[in-house]
Protein backbone atom coordinates (compact mmCIF):
# COMPACT_ATOMS: atom_id res chain seq x y z
CA MET A 1 11.65 194.05 145.25
CA SER A 2 9.58 192.47 142.72
CA THR A 3 9.17 193.97 139.02
CA LEU A 4 5.81 194.78 138.23
CA SER A 5 4.46 192.82 134.89
CA ILE A 6 3.18 194.94 132.21
CA GLU A 7 -0.68 194.23 133.35
CA GLU A 8 0.04 195.11 136.85
CA ALA A 9 1.45 198.28 135.60
CA GLU A 10 -1.45 199.05 133.29
CA GLN A 11 -4.03 198.32 136.54
CA LEU A 12 -2.03 200.89 138.45
CA LEU A 13 -1.70 203.63 135.55
CA TYR A 14 -5.78 203.07 134.91
CA ASN A 15 -6.55 202.73 138.74
CA ASN A 16 -4.47 205.62 140.17
CA VAL A 17 -3.95 208.45 137.73
CA SER A 18 -6.12 211.55 137.16
CA PRO A 19 -9.07 210.89 134.60
CA TRP A 20 -7.70 213.39 132.23
CA ILE A 21 -4.49 211.49 131.87
CA LEU A 22 -6.48 208.80 130.81
CA THR A 23 -7.29 210.71 127.68
CA LEU A 24 -3.80 210.28 126.47
CA ARG A 25 -4.31 206.40 125.77
CA LEU A 26 -0.96 205.56 127.71
CA LYS A 27 0.53 202.04 127.20
CA VAL A 28 2.91 200.07 129.34
CA ARG A 29 5.50 198.81 126.91
CA GLU A 30 8.12 197.63 129.43
CA THR A 31 8.83 197.17 133.22
CA THR A 32 11.76 196.66 135.37
CA GLU A 33 12.46 197.09 138.88
CA GLU A 34 13.64 200.68 138.33
CA SER A 35 12.30 201.54 135.30
CA VAL A 36 8.98 201.53 133.11
CA THR A 37 8.61 202.37 129.52
CA LEU A 38 5.38 204.15 128.45
CA VAL A 39 4.15 204.73 125.07
CA MET A 40 1.73 207.87 124.13
CA PRO A 41 -0.02 207.29 120.87
CA PHE A 42 -0.35 209.99 118.30
CA ASP A 43 -3.46 212.04 118.48
CA GLU A 44 -4.47 215.01 116.50
CA GLN A 45 -5.80 216.70 119.75
CA GLN A 46 -1.99 216.65 121.37
CA LEU A 47 -1.03 218.96 118.38
CA ARG A 48 -0.37 222.86 118.74
CA PRO A 49 0.01 225.23 116.00
CA GLY A 50 2.61 224.00 113.51
CA ARG A 51 1.22 220.58 114.09
CA ILE A 52 3.88 219.49 116.74
CA VAL A 53 3.02 217.61 119.74
CA ALA A 54 2.37 220.05 122.55
CA GLY A 55 4.86 220.43 125.21
CA GLN A 56 1.75 219.95 127.67
CA ALA A 57 1.14 216.68 126.61
CA LEU A 58 4.66 215.71 126.62
CA MET A 59 5.27 216.97 130.03
CA ALA A 60 2.30 214.85 131.45
CA LEU A 61 3.64 211.80 129.58
CA ALA A 62 7.17 212.50 131.52
CA ASP A 63 5.46 212.96 134.89
CA THR A 64 3.26 209.93 134.55
CA ALA A 65 6.04 208.04 133.18
CA MET A 66 8.43 208.78 136.22
CA VAL A 67 5.74 208.42 138.97
CA MET A 68 5.09 204.89 137.36
CA ALA A 69 8.72 204.24 137.68
CA LEU A 70 8.91 205.00 141.18
CA TRP A 71 6.13 202.59 141.59
CA SER A 72 7.93 199.87 139.89
CA ALA A 73 10.64 200.51 142.25
CA LEU A 74 8.55 200.16 145.34
CA GLY A 75 6.88 197.31 143.77
CA ALA A 76 3.44 198.72 144.36
CA PHE A 77 1.22 201.78 144.35
CA CYS A 78 2.05 204.83 146.51
CA PRO A 79 0.69 208.14 146.49
CA VAL A 80 3.80 210.03 145.63
CA ALA A 81 3.49 213.91 144.98
CA THR A 82 5.75 215.76 142.12
CA VAL A 83 8.02 218.14 144.03
CA ASP A 84 9.96 219.34 141.13
CA MET A 85 10.24 218.58 137.70
CA THR A 86 12.10 219.95 134.61
CA THR A 87 11.68 219.26 131.16
CA THR A 88 14.03 220.15 128.15
CA PHE A 89 12.64 219.99 124.70
CA MET A 90 15.19 219.05 122.29
CA ARG A 91 13.32 218.65 119.06
CA PRO A 92 9.50 218.96 117.71
CA ALA A 93 7.66 215.88 117.83
CA THR A 94 5.31 215.51 114.59
CA GLN A 95 2.96 212.48 113.34
CA THR A 96 4.36 209.92 115.60
CA ALA A 97 3.58 208.15 118.75
CA ILE A 98 6.14 209.18 121.64
CA VAL A 99 7.82 206.72 123.75
CA ALA A 100 8.84 207.49 127.22
CA GLU A 101 11.83 205.58 129.16
CA ALA A 102 11.42 206.66 132.76
CA THR A 103 14.09 205.59 135.41
CA MET A 104 14.33 205.75 139.32
CA VAL A 105 17.55 207.11 139.82
CA ARG A 106 17.81 207.08 143.63
CA LEU A 107 15.01 205.82 146.11
CA GLY A 108 15.13 207.63 149.72
CA ARG A 109 13.21 207.14 152.40
CA THR A 110 10.99 210.41 151.87
CA LEU A 111 12.32 211.33 148.15
CA GLY A 112 12.74 209.79 144.92
CA PHE A 113 14.60 210.83 142.17
CA CYS A 114 13.84 210.07 138.35
CA GLN A 115 14.73 210.79 134.65
CA VAL A 116 12.69 210.43 131.60
CA ARG A 117 13.84 210.16 127.68
CA MET A 118 10.99 210.94 125.47
CA LEU A 119 11.65 209.77 121.80
CA MET A 120 9.77 209.45 118.53
CA ASP A 121 8.60 205.86 118.05
CA THR A 122 10.09 205.74 114.44
CA MET A 123 13.14 203.54 113.59
CA GLU A 124 15.83 206.30 114.11
CA ARG A 125 13.94 206.97 117.67
CA PRO A 126 15.31 210.76 117.94
CA LEU A 127 15.07 212.22 121.16
CA VAL A 128 12.33 214.93 121.84
CA ALA A 129 12.91 215.76 125.21
CA HIS A 130 14.74 214.67 128.50
CA GLY A 131 13.02 215.31 131.96
CA VAL A 132 14.23 215.13 135.65
CA GLY A 133 11.78 214.98 138.44
CA THR A 134 11.76 214.69 142.40
CA TYR A 135 8.98 212.89 144.18
CA SER A 136 7.79 213.23 147.72
CA ILE A 137 7.04 209.57 149.32
CA PRO A 138 4.57 209.63 152.01
CA PRO A 139 5.96 207.85 155.29
CA VAL A 140 4.72 204.48 155.96
CA SER A 141 2.47 204.61 158.98
């Protein structure tokens, strides 16, 4: 397997996710054979009352990062589908970009299992949320 370059990963992101995900302005920071790190810049549009980043934005970031970790493990785009996703919110995120570090935990023939850590993009990098996801991988025809 070959690691996707940052440029290849960004092309996969921009060419294969739903258009509304692009409004999050995600950037690929790092890729490995089994992981992808995305950054979601701070945006007032993502805030909920209390001026904290909405859970919906964090879950969209988590799902996108885990899908991209699978693509990285596969070495290319594959139309995977989310089967299950669990997100645990640990602390509110305010006034900062969010970093999502997603890793493919196990890659089977028909299912991929991933995890993601979402951290504030600050010097201290406190953990905002943790997620796990299971993804269906269509059979190769």
